[in-house]
All heavy atoms as atom14 arrays in JSON, in Angstrom:
{
  "sequence": "NSLKPEDTAVYYCAAGSIYRRPDYYSDYHRYDYWGQGTQVTV",
  "atom14_mask": [
    [1, 1, 1, 1, 1, 1, 1, 1, 0, 0, 0, 0, 0, 0],
    [1, 1, 1, 1, 1, 1, 0, 0, 0, 0, 0, 0, 0, 0],
    [1, 1, 1, 1, 1, 1, 1, 1, 0, 0, 0, 0, 0, 0],
    [1, 1, 1, 1, 1, 1, 1, 1, 1, 0, 0, 0, 0, 0],
    [1, 1, 1, 1, 1, 1, 1, 0, 0, 0, 0, 0, 0, 0],
    [1, 1, 1, 1, 1, 1, 1, 1, 1, 0, 0, 0, 0, 0],
    [1, 1, 1, 1, 1, 1, 1, 1, 0, 0, 0, 0, 0, 0],
    [1, 1, 1, 1, 1, 1, 1, 0, 0, 0, 0, 0, 0, 0],
    [1, 1, 1, 1, 1, 0, 0, 0, 0, 0, 0, 0, 0, 0],
    [1, 1, 1, 1, 1, 1, 1, 0, 0, 0, 0, 0, 0, 0],
    [1, 1, 1, 1, 1, 1, 1, 1, 1, 1, 1, 1, 0, 0],
    [1, 1, 1, 1, 1, 1, 1, 1, 1, 1, 1, 1, 0, 0],
    [1, 1, 1, 1, 1, 1, 0, 0, 0, 0, 0, 0, 0, 0],
    [1, 1, 1, 1, 1, 0, 0, 0, 0, 0, 0, 0, 0, 0],
    [1, 1, 1, 1, 1, 0, 0, 0, 0, 0, 0, 0, 0, 0],
    [1, 1, 1, 1, 0, 0, 0, 0, 0, 0, 0, 0, 0, 0],
    [1, 1, 1, 1, 1, 1, 0, 0, 0, 0, 0, 0, 0, 0],
    [1, 1, 1, 1, 1, 1, 1, 1, 0, 0, 0, 0, 0, 0],
    [1, 1, 1, 1, 1, 1, 1, 1, 1, 1, 1, 1, 0, 0],
    [1, 1, 1, 1, 1, 1, 1, 1, 1, 1, 1, 0, 0, 0],
    [1, 1, 1, 1, 1, 1, 1, 1, 1, 1, 1, 0, 0, 0],
    [1, 1, 1, 1, 1, 1, 1, 0, 0, 0, 0, 0, 0, 0],
    [1, 1, 1, 1, 1, 1, 1, 1, 0, 0, 0, 0, 0, 0],
    [1, 1, 1, 1, 1, 1, 1, 1, 1, 1, 1, 1, 0, 0],
    [1, 1, 1, 1, 1, 1, 1, 1, 1, 1, 1, 1, 0, 0],
    [1, 1, 1, 1, 1, 1, 0, 0, 0, 0, 0, 0, 0, 0],
    [1, 1, 1, 1, 1, 1, 1, 1, 0, 0, 0, 0, 0, 0],
    [1, 1, 1, 1, 1, 1, 1, 1, 1, 1, 1, 1, 0, 0],
    [1, 1, 1, 1, 1, 1, 1, 1, 1, 1, 0, 0, 0, 0],
    [1, 1, 1, 1, 1, 1, 1, 1, 1, 1, 1, 0, 0, 0],
    [1, 1, 1, 1, 1, 1, 1, 1, 1, 1, 1, 1, 0, 0],
    [1, 1, 1, 1, 1, 1, 1, 1, 0, 0, 0, 0, 0, 0],
    [1, 1, 1, 1, 1, 1, 1, 1, 1, 1, 1, 1, 0, 0],
    [1, 1, 1, 1, 1, 1, 1, 1, 1, 1, 1, 1, 1, 1],
    [1, 1, 1, 1, 0, 0, 0, 0, 0, 0, 0, 0, 0, 0],
    [1, 1, 1, 1, 1, 1, 1, 1, 1, 0, 0, 0, 0, 0],
    [1, 1, 1, 1, 0, 0, 0, 0, 0, 0, 0, 0, 0, 0],
    [1, 1, 1, 1, 1, 1, 1, 0, 0, 0, 0, 0, 0, 0],
    [1, 1, 1, 1, 1, 1, 1, 1, 1, 0, 0, 0, 0, 0],
    [1, 1, 1, 1, 1, 1, 1, 0, 0, 0, 0, 0, 0, 0],
    [1, 1, 1, 1, 1, 1, 1, 0, 0, 0, 0, 0, 0, 0],
    [1, 1, 1, 1, 1, 1, 1, 0, 0, 0, 0, 0, 0, 0]
  ],
  "atom14_positions": [
    [[-55.27, -51.96, 68.32], [-56.15, -51.38, 69.31], [-57.21, -50.52, 68.63], [-57.07, -50.16, 67.46], [-55.35, -50.54, 70.3], [-54.28, -51.34, 71.02], [-54.47, -52.49, 71.37], [-53.13, -50.71, 71.24], [0.0, 0.0, 0.0], [0.0, 0.0, 0.0], [0.0, 0.0, 0.0], [0.0, 0.0, 0.0], [0.0, 0.0, 0.0], [0.0, 0.0, 0.0]],
    [[-58.23, -50.17, 69.4], [-59.29, -49.29, 68.88], [-59.78, -49.78, 67.51], [-59.91, -49.0, 66.57], [-58.79, -47.85, 68.78], [-58.36, -47.39, 70.04], [0.0, 0.0, 0.0], [0.0, 0.0, 0.0], [0.0, 0.0, 0.0], [0.0, 0.0, 0.0], [0.0, 0.0, 0.0], [0.0, 0.0, 0.0], [0.0, 0.0, 0.0], [0.0, 0.0, 0.0]],
    [[-60.06, -51.05, 67.44], [-60.45, -51.65, 66.16], [-61.78, -51.1, 65.66], [-62.68, -50.78, 66.46], [-60.5, -53.16, 66.29], [-59.14, -53.84, 66.28], [-59.21, -55.26, 66.82], [-58.54, -53.85, 64.88], [0.0, 0.0, 0.0], [0.0, 0.0, 0.0], [0.0, 0.0, 0.0], [0.0, 0.0, 0.0], [0.0, 0.0, 0.0], [0.0, 0.0, 0.0]],
    [[-61.88, -51.0, 64.36], [-63.07, -50.48, 63.7], [-63.64, -51.55, 62.76], [-62.9, -52.42, 62.29], [-62.71, -49.24, 62.88], [-62.03, -48.14, 63.66], [-61.62, -47.01, 62.74], [-60.91, -45.9, 63.49], [-60.5, -44.79, 62.59], [0.0, 0.0, 0.0], [0.0, 0.0, 0.0], [0.0, 0.0, 0.0], [0.0, 0.0, 0.0], [0.0, 0.0, 0.0]],
    [[-64.92, -51.47, 62.45], [-65.49, -52.45, 61.5], [-64.74, -52.48, 60.17], [-64.63, -53.56, 59.56], [-66.93, -51.96, 61.34], [-67.24, -51.3, 62.64], [-65.96, -50.63, 63.04], [0.0, 0.0, 0.0], [0.0, 0.0, 0.0], [0.0, 0.0, 0.0], [0.0, 0.0, 0.0], [0.0, 0.0, 0.0], [0.0, 0.0, 0.0], [0.0, 0.0, 0.0]],
    [[-64.21, -51.36, 59.75], [-63.48, -51.33, 58.47], [-62.12, -52.02, 58.54], [-61.45, -52.17, 57.52], [-63.31, -49.89, 57.98], [-62.74, -48.93, 58.99], [-63.83, -48.12, 59.69], [-64.87, -48.73, 60.09], [-63.64, -46.9, 59.86], [0.0, 0.0, 0.0], [0.0, 0.0, 0.0], [0.0, 0.0, 0.0], [0.0, 0.0, 0.0], [0.0, 0.0, 0.0]],
    [[-61.73, -52.47, 59.73], [-60.51, -53.26, 59.86], [-60.78, -54.74, 59.55], [-59.83, -55.54, 59.51], [-59.94, -53.15, 61.27], [-59.44, -51.74, 61.59], [-58.81, -51.12, 60.71], [-59.67, -51.28, 62.72], [0.0, 0.0, 0.0], [0.0, 0.0, 0.0], [0.0, 0.0, 0.0], [0.0, 0.0, 0.0], [0.0, 0.0, 0.0], [0.0, 0.0, 0.0]],
    [[-62.01, -55.1, 59.36], [-62.36, -56.48, 59.07], [-61.71, -56.93, 57.76], [-61.88, -56.29, 56.72], [-63.88, -56.63, 58.98], [-64.46, -56.37, 60.26], [-64.27, -58.04, 58.54], [0.0, 0.0, 0.0], [0.0, 0.0, 0.0], [0.0, 0.0, 0.0], [0.0, 0.0, 0.0], [0.0, 0.0, 0.0], [0.0, 0.0, 0.0], [0.0, 0.0, 0.0]],
    [[-60.97, -58.03, 57.83], [-60.24, -58.53, 56.67], [-59.5, -59.8, 57.06], [-59.42, -60.14, 58.24], [-59.24, -57.5, 56.15], [0.0, 0.0, 0.0], [0.0, 0.0, 0.0], [0.0, 0.0, 0.0], [0.0, 0.0, 0.0], [0.0, 0.0, 0.0], [0.0, 0.0, 0.0], [0.0, 0.0, 0.0], [0.0, 0.0, 0.0], [0.0, 0.0, 0.0]],
    [[-58.95, -60.46, 56.06], [-57.97, -61.51, 56.31], [-56.61, -60.82, 56.38], [-56.25, -60.06, 55.48], [-57.99, -62.58, 55.22], [-56.9, -63.63, 55.49], [-59.36, -63.25, 55.14], [0.0, 0.0, 0.0], [0.0, 0.0, 0.0], [0.0, 0.0, 0.0], [0.0, 0.0, 0.0], [0.0, 0.0, 0.0], [0.0, 0.0, 0.0], [0.0, 0.0, 0.0]],
    [[-55.88, -61.09, 57.44], [-54.58, -60.48, 57.65], [-53.49, -61.49, 57.31], [-53.51, -62.63, 57.8], [-54.45, -60.0, 59.09], [-55.19, -58.72, 59.34], [-56.59, -58.69, 59.33], [-54.52, -57.51, 59.55], [-57.29, -57.51, 59.54], [-55.2, -56.33, 59.75], [-56.59, -56.33, 59.74], [-57.28, -55.16, 59.93], [0.0, 0.0, 0.0], [0.0, 0.0, 0.0]],
    [[-52.54, -61.03, 56.5], [-51.45, -61.87, 56.05], [-50.12, -61.33, 56.54], [-49.87, -60.12, 56.48], [-51.42, -61.92, 54.52], [-52.62, -62.54, 53.88], [-53.69, -61.75, 53.49], [-52.7, -63.91, 53.66], [-54.82, -62.31, 52.89], [-53.8, -64.49, 53.07], [-54.86, -63.68, 52.69], [-55.96, -64.24, 52.1], [0.0, 0.0, 0.0], [0.0, 0.0, 0.0]],
    [[-49.26, -62.24, 56.93], [-47.88, -61.93, 57.27], [-47.02, -62.2, 56.03], [-47.29, -63.16, 55.28], [-47.46, -62.82, 58.43], [-45.73, -62.73, 58.87], [0.0, 0.0, 0.0], [0.0, 0.0, 0.0], [0.0, 0.0, 0.0], [0.0, 0.0, 0.0], [0.0, 0.0, 0.0], [0.0, 0.0, 0.0], [0.0, 0.0, 0.0], [0.0, 0.0, 0.0]],
    [[-46.01, -61.37, 55.83], [-45.14, -61.54, 54.68], [-43.7, -61.21, 55.06], [-43.46, -60.41, 55.97], [-45.58, -60.64, 53.54], [0.0, 0.0, 0.0], [0.0, 0.0, 0.0], [0.0, 0.0, 0.0], [0.0, 0.0, 0.0], [0.0, 0.0, 0.0], [0.0, 0.0, 0.0], [0.0, 0.0, 0.0], [0.0, 0.0, 0.0], [0.0, 0.0, 0.0]],
    [[-42.77, -61.82, 54.36], [-41.35, -61.56, 54.59], [-40.66, -61.36, 53.24], [-40.98, -62.03, 52.26], [-40.71, -62.72, 55.33], [0.0, 0.0, 0.0], [0.0, 0.0, 0.0], [0.0, 0.0, 0.0], [0.0, 0.0, 0.0], [0.0, 0.0, 0.0], [0.0, 0.0, 0.0], [0.0, 0.0, 0.0], [0.0, 0.0, 0.0], [0.0, 0.0, 0.0]],
    [[-39.71, -60.45, 53.23], [-39.0, -60.2, 51.98], [-37.64, -59.59, 52.21], [-37.42, -58.91, 53.22], [0.0, 0.0, 0.0], [0.0, 0.0, 0.0], [0.0, 0.0, 0.0], [0.0, 0.0, 0.0], [0.0, 0.0, 0.0], [0.0, 0.0, 0.0], [0.0, 0.0, 0.0], [0.0, 0.0, 0.0], [0.0, 0.0, 0.0], [0.0, 0.0, 0.0]],
    [[-36.75, -59.81, 51.27], [-35.4, -59.26, 51.34], [-35.42, -57.84, 50.77], [-34.96, -57.59, 49.66], [-34.43, -60.15, 50.56], [-34.43, -61.47, 51.07], [0.0, 0.0, 0.0], [0.0, 0.0, 0.0], [0.0, 0.0, 0.0], [0.0, 0.0, 0.0], [0.0, 0.0, 0.0], [0.0, 0.0, 0.0], [0.0, 0.0, 0.0], [0.0, 0.0, 0.0]],
    [[-35.96, -56.94, 51.55], [-36.1, -55.54, 51.14], [-35.27, -54.71, 52.11], [-35.53, -54.7, 53.3], [-37.56, -55.08, 51.21], [-38.48, -56.05, 50.47], [-37.7, -53.67, 50.64], [-39.94, -55.8, 50.71], [0.0, 0.0, 0.0], [0.0, 0.0, 0.0], [0.0, 0.0, 0.0], [0.0, 0.0, 0.0], [0.0, 0.0, 0.0], [0.0, 0.0, 0.0]],
    [[-34.27, -54.04, 51.58], [-33.36, -53.3, 52.44], [-33.32, -51.83, 52.05], [-32.96, -51.47, 50.94], [-31.95, -53.88, 52.36], [-31.9, -55.36, 52.66], [-31.56, -56.28, 51.68], [-32.23, -55.84, 53.93], [-31.54, -57.63, 51.96], [-32.2, -57.19, 54.2], [-31.86, -58.09, 53.21], [-31.84, -59.43, 53.49], [0.0, 0.0, 0.0], [0.0, 0.0, 0.0]],
    [[-33.73, -50.99, 52.98], [-33.59, -49.55, 52.83], [-34.23, -49.05, 51.54], [-33.67, -48.21, 50.85], [-32.12, -49.14, 52.92], [-31.52, -49.49, 54.26], [-30.06, -49.17, 54.35], [-29.53, -49.56, 55.67], [-28.27, -49.51, 56.02], [-27.38, -49.07, 55.17], [-27.89, -49.89, 57.23], [0.0, 0.0, 0.0], [0.0, 0.0, 0.0], [0.0, 0.0, 0.0]],
    [[-35.42, -49.59, 51.27], [-36.21, -49.14, 50.13], [-37.63, -48.86, 50.61], [-38.55, -49.64, 50.4], [-36.22, -50.19, 49.01], [-34.92, -50.37, 48.29], [-34.45, -49.08, 47.6], [-35.42, -48.56, 46.66], [-35.39, -48.83, 45.35], [-34.45, -49.6, 44.85], [-36.3, -48.32, 44.55], [0.0, 0.0, 0.0], [0.0, 0.0, 0.0], [0.0, 0.0, 0.0]],
    [[-37.83, -47.72, 51.25], [-39.16, -47.41, 51.78], [-40.25, -47.44, 50.71], [-41.41, -47.7, 51.02], [-38.98, -46.0, 52.34], [-37.52, -45.9, 52.67], [-36.84, -46.72, 51.63], [0.0, 0.0, 0.0], [0.0, 0.0, 0.0], [0.0, 0.0, 0.0], [0.0, 0.0, 0.0], [0.0, 0.0, 0.0], [0.0, 0.0, 0.0], [0.0, 0.0, 0.0]],
    [[-39.86, -47.22, 49.47], [-40.86, -47.24, 48.4], [-41.31, -48.65, 48.08], [-42.33, -48.84, 47.4], [-40.3, -46.57, 47.14], [-38.96, -47.12, 46.73], [-38.16, -47.49, 47.61], [-38.67, -47.16, 45.51], [0.0, 0.0, 0.0], [0.0, 0.0, 0.0], [0.0, 0.0, 0.0], [0.0, 0.0, 0.0], [0.0, 0.0, 0.0], [0.0, 0.0, 0.0]],
    [[-40.62, -49.66, 48.58], [-40.99, -51.05, 48.33], [-41.83, -51.65, 49.46], [-42.52, -52.64, 49.26], [-39.74, -51.92, 48.18], [-39.01, -51.77, 46.87], [-39.4, -50.86, 45.91], [-37.89, -52.56, 46.61], [-38.7, -50.74, 44.71], [-37.2, -52.46, 45.42], [-37.6, -51.54, 44.47], [-36.91, -51.43, 43.3], [0.0, 0.0, 0.0], [0.0, 0.0, 0.0]],
    [[-41.76, -51.07, 50.65], [-42.34, -51.75, 51.82], [-43.83, -51.99, 51.69], [-44.34, -52.98, 52.19], [-42.05, -50.95, 53.09], [-40.58, -50.82, 53.42], [-40.1, -49.69, 54.08], [-39.67, -51.81, 53.09], [-38.75, -49.56, 54.39], [-38.33, -51.69, 53.4], [-37.88, -50.56, 54.04], [-36.55, -50.43, 54.35], [0.0, 0.0, 0.0], [0.0, 0.0, 0.0]],
    [[-44.53, -51.11, 51.06], [-45.99, -51.24, 50.98], [-46.45, -51.98, 49.72], [-47.65, -52.15, 49.52], [-46.64, -49.86, 51.02], [-46.21, -49.09, 49.92], [0.0, 0.0, 0.0], [0.0, 0.0, 0.0], [0.0, 0.0, 0.0], [0.0, 0.0, 0.0], [0.0, 0.0, 0.0], [0.0, 0.0, 0.0], [0.0, 0.0, 0.0], [0.0, 0.0, 0.0]],
    [[-45.5, -52.45, 48.93], [-45.81, -53.14, 47.67], [-45.76, -54.65, 47.93], [-44.68, -55.22, 48.1], [-44.8, -52.75, 46.61], [-45.07, -53.4, 45.27], [-46.0, -54.24, 45.17], [-44.37, -53.06, 44.3], [0.0, 0.0, 0.0], [0.0, 0.0, 0.0], [0.0, 0.0, 0.0], [0.0, 0.0, 0.0], [0.0, 0.0, 0.0], [0.0, 0.0, 0.0]],
    [[-46.9, -55.29, 47.93], [-46.93, -56.71, 48.29], [-46.19, -57.58, 47.27], [-45.8, -58.7, 47.59], [-48.35, -57.21, 48.52], [-49.25, -57.27, 47.31], [-49.25, -58.37, 46.46], [-50.14, -56.24, 47.03], [-50.08, -58.44, 45.36], [-50.98, -56.29, 45.94], [-50.95, -57.4, 45.1], [-51.79, -57.46, 44.01], [0.0, 0.0, 0.0], [0.0, 0.0, 0.0]],
    [[-45.98, -57.09, 46.06], [-45.23, -57.86, 45.07], [-43.77, -58.05, 45.46], [-43.07, -58.93, 44.93], [-45.29, -57.18, 43.71], [-46.66, -57.05, 43.15], [-47.42, -55.91, 43.27], [-47.42, -57.94, 42.46], [-48.59, -56.1, 42.67], [-48.63, -57.31, 42.18], [0.0, 0.0, 0.0], [0.0, 0.0, 0.0], [0.0, 0.0, 0.0], [0.0, 0.0, 0.0]],
    [[-43.27, -57.23, 46.38], [-41.86, -57.25, 46.75], [-41.54, -58.31, 47.8], [-40.38, -58.52, 48.12], [-41.45, -55.89, 47.3], [-41.61, -54.75, 46.28], [-40.62, -54.87, 45.17], [-40.74, -53.8, 44.19], [-39.97, -53.66, 43.11], [-39.0, -54.53, 42.9], [-40.17, -52.66, 42.29], [0.0, 0.0, 0.0], [0.0, 0.0, 0.0], [0.0, 0.0, 0.0]],
    [[-42.57, -58.94, 48.32], [-42.36, -59.91, 49.38], [-42.28, -61.33, 48.82], [-42.99, -61.68, 47.87], [-43.49, -59.8, 50.42], [-43.41, -58.51, 51.21], [-43.84, -57.3, 50.66], [-42.88, -58.5, 52.49], [-43.74, -56.12, 51.38], [-42.79, -57.32, 53.22], [-43.22, -56.14, 52.65], [-43.12, -54.97, 53.36], [0.0, 0.0, 0.0], [0.0, 0.0, 0.0]],
    [[-41.41, -62.13, 49.45], [-41.11, -63.45, 48.92], [-41.91, -64.57, 49.58], [-42.18, -65.6, 48.94], [-39.62, -63.75, 49.12], [-38.73, -62.67, 48.53], [-38.88, -62.4, 47.32], [-37.89, -62.11, 49.26], [0.0, 0.0, 0.0], [0.0, 0.0, 0.0], [0.0, 0.0, 0.0], [0.0, 0.0, 0.0], [0.0, 0.0, 0.0], [0.0, 0.0, 0.0]],
    [[-42.26, -64.38, 50.84], [-42.92, -65.44, 51.59], [-44.19, -64.91, 52.22], [-44.24, -63.75, 52.69], [-42.0, -65.98, 52.69], [-40.67, -66.46, 52.19], [-39.52, -65.69, 52.32], [-40.55, -67.71, 51.57], [-38.3, -66.13, 51.86], [-39.32, -68.17, 51.1], [-38.22, -67.36, 51.25], [-37.0, -67.81, 50.78], [0.0, 0.0, 0.0], [0.0, 0.0, 0.0]],
    [[-45.2, -65.76, 52.25], [-46.51, -65.37, 52.78], [-47.08, -66.46, 53.68], [-46.86, -67.65, 53.45], [-47.51, -65.13, 51.65], [-47.19, -63.9, 50.86], [-46.33, -63.78, 49.8], [-47.72, -62.59, 51.09], [-46.29, -62.49, 49.36], [-47.14, -61.73, 50.13], [-48.62, -62.06, 52.0], [-47.43, -60.37, 50.06], [-48.91, -60.71, 51.94], [-48.33, -59.88, 50.98]],
    [[-47.82, -66.01, 54.68], [-48.57, -66.94, 55.5], [-49.93, -67.22, 54.87], [-50.27, -66.67, 53.82], [0.0, 0.0, 0.0], [0.0, 0.0, 0.0], [0.0, 0.0, 0.0], [0.0, 0.0, 0.0], [0.0, 0.0, 0.0], [0.0, 0.0, 0.0], [0.0, 0.0, 0.0], [0.0, 0.0, 0.0], [0.0, 0.0, 0.0], [0.0, 0.0, 0.0]],
    [[-50.7, -68.05, 55.54], [-51.99, -68.47, 54.99], [-53.1, -67.48, 55.33], [-54.19, -67.55, 54.76], [-52.36, -69.86, 55.51], [-52.98, -69.91, 56.9], [-51.98, -69.59, 58.01], [-50.77, -69.54, 57.81], [-52.51, -69.38, 59.21], [0.0, 0.0, 0.0], [0.0, 0.0, 0.0], [0.0, 0.0, 0.0], [0.0, 0.0, 0.0], [0.0, 0.0, 0.0]],
    [[-52.84, -66.59, 56.27], [-53.82, -65.57, 56.63], [-54.61, -65.95, 57.87], [-54.8, -67.12, 58.19], [0.0, 0.0, 0.0], [0.0, 0.0, 0.0], [0.0, 0.0, 0.0], [0.0, 0.0, 0.0], [0.0, 0.0, 0.0], [0.0, 0.0, 0.0], [0.0, 0.0, 0.0], [0.0, 0.0, 0.0], [0.0, 0.0, 0.0], [0.0, 0.0, 0.0]],
    [[-55.07, -64.92, 58.58], [-55.93, -65.11, 59.74], [-57.05, -64.07, 59.67], [-56.81, -62.9, 59.37], [-55.12, -65.0, 61.05], [-55.96, -65.32, 62.17], [-54.53, -63.61, 61.26], [0.0, 0.0, 0.0], [0.0, 0.0, 0.0], [0.0, 0.0, 0.0], [0.0, 0.0, 0.0], [0.0, 0.0, 0.0], [0.0, 0.0, 0.0], [0.0, 0.0, 0.0]],
    [[-58.27, -64.52, 59.93], [-59.44, -63.66, 59.79], [-59.6, -62.77, 61.01], [-59.57, -63.25, 62.15], [-60.7, -64.5, 59.61], [-62.0, -63.71, 59.55], [-62.13, -62.9, 58.27], [-61.89, -63.42, 57.17], [-62.52, -61.64, 58.39], [0.0, 0.0, 0.0], [0.0, 0.0, 0.0], [0.0, 0.0, 0.0], [0.0, 0.0, 0.0], [0.0, 0.0, 0.0]],
    [[-59.8, -61.49, 60.76], [-60.15, -60.54, 61.8], [-61.5, -59.95, 61.45], [-61.68, -59.42, 60.35], [-59.09, -59.42, 61.92], [-59.58, -58.32, 62.85], [-57.77, -59.99, 62.4], [0.0, 0.0, 0.0], [0.0, 0.0, 0.0], [0.0, 0.0, 0.0], [0.0, 0.0, 0.0], [0.0, 0.0, 0.0], [0.0, 0.0, 0.0], [0.0, 0.0, 0.0]],
    [[-62.45, -60.06, 62.36], [-63.78, -59.52, 62.15], [-64.11, -58.58, 63.31], [-64.04, -58.98, 64.47], [-64.83, -60.64, 62.07], [-64.49, -61.55, 61.03], [-66.21, -60.05, 61.78], [0.0, 0.0, 0.0], [0.0, 0.0, 0.0], [0.0, 0.0, 0.0], [0.0, 0.0, 0.0], [0.0, 0.0, 0.0], [0.0, 0.0, 0.0], [0.0, 0.0, 0.0]],
    [[-64.46, -57.35, 62.95], [-64.79, -56.35, 63.96], [-66.26, -56.01, 63.82], [-66.69, -55.53, 62.77], [-63.93, -55.09, 63.81], [-64.23, -54.1, 64.94], [-62.44, -55.45, 63.79], [0.0, 0.0, 0.0], [0.0, 0.0, 0.0], [0.0, 0.0, 0.0], [0.0, 0.0, 0.0], [0.0, 0.0, 0.0], [0.0, 0.0, 0.0], [0.0, 0.0, 0.0]]
  ]
}
């Protein structure tokens, strides 16, 4: 909601076997599976 022009990007979904490691959640290297992406333009 309340989208801004700076939100413009390709958005990717990812899945990973990350359990109770908050320090890993924001690290894209920790994820095992990725989607192809969807473009969002604001």
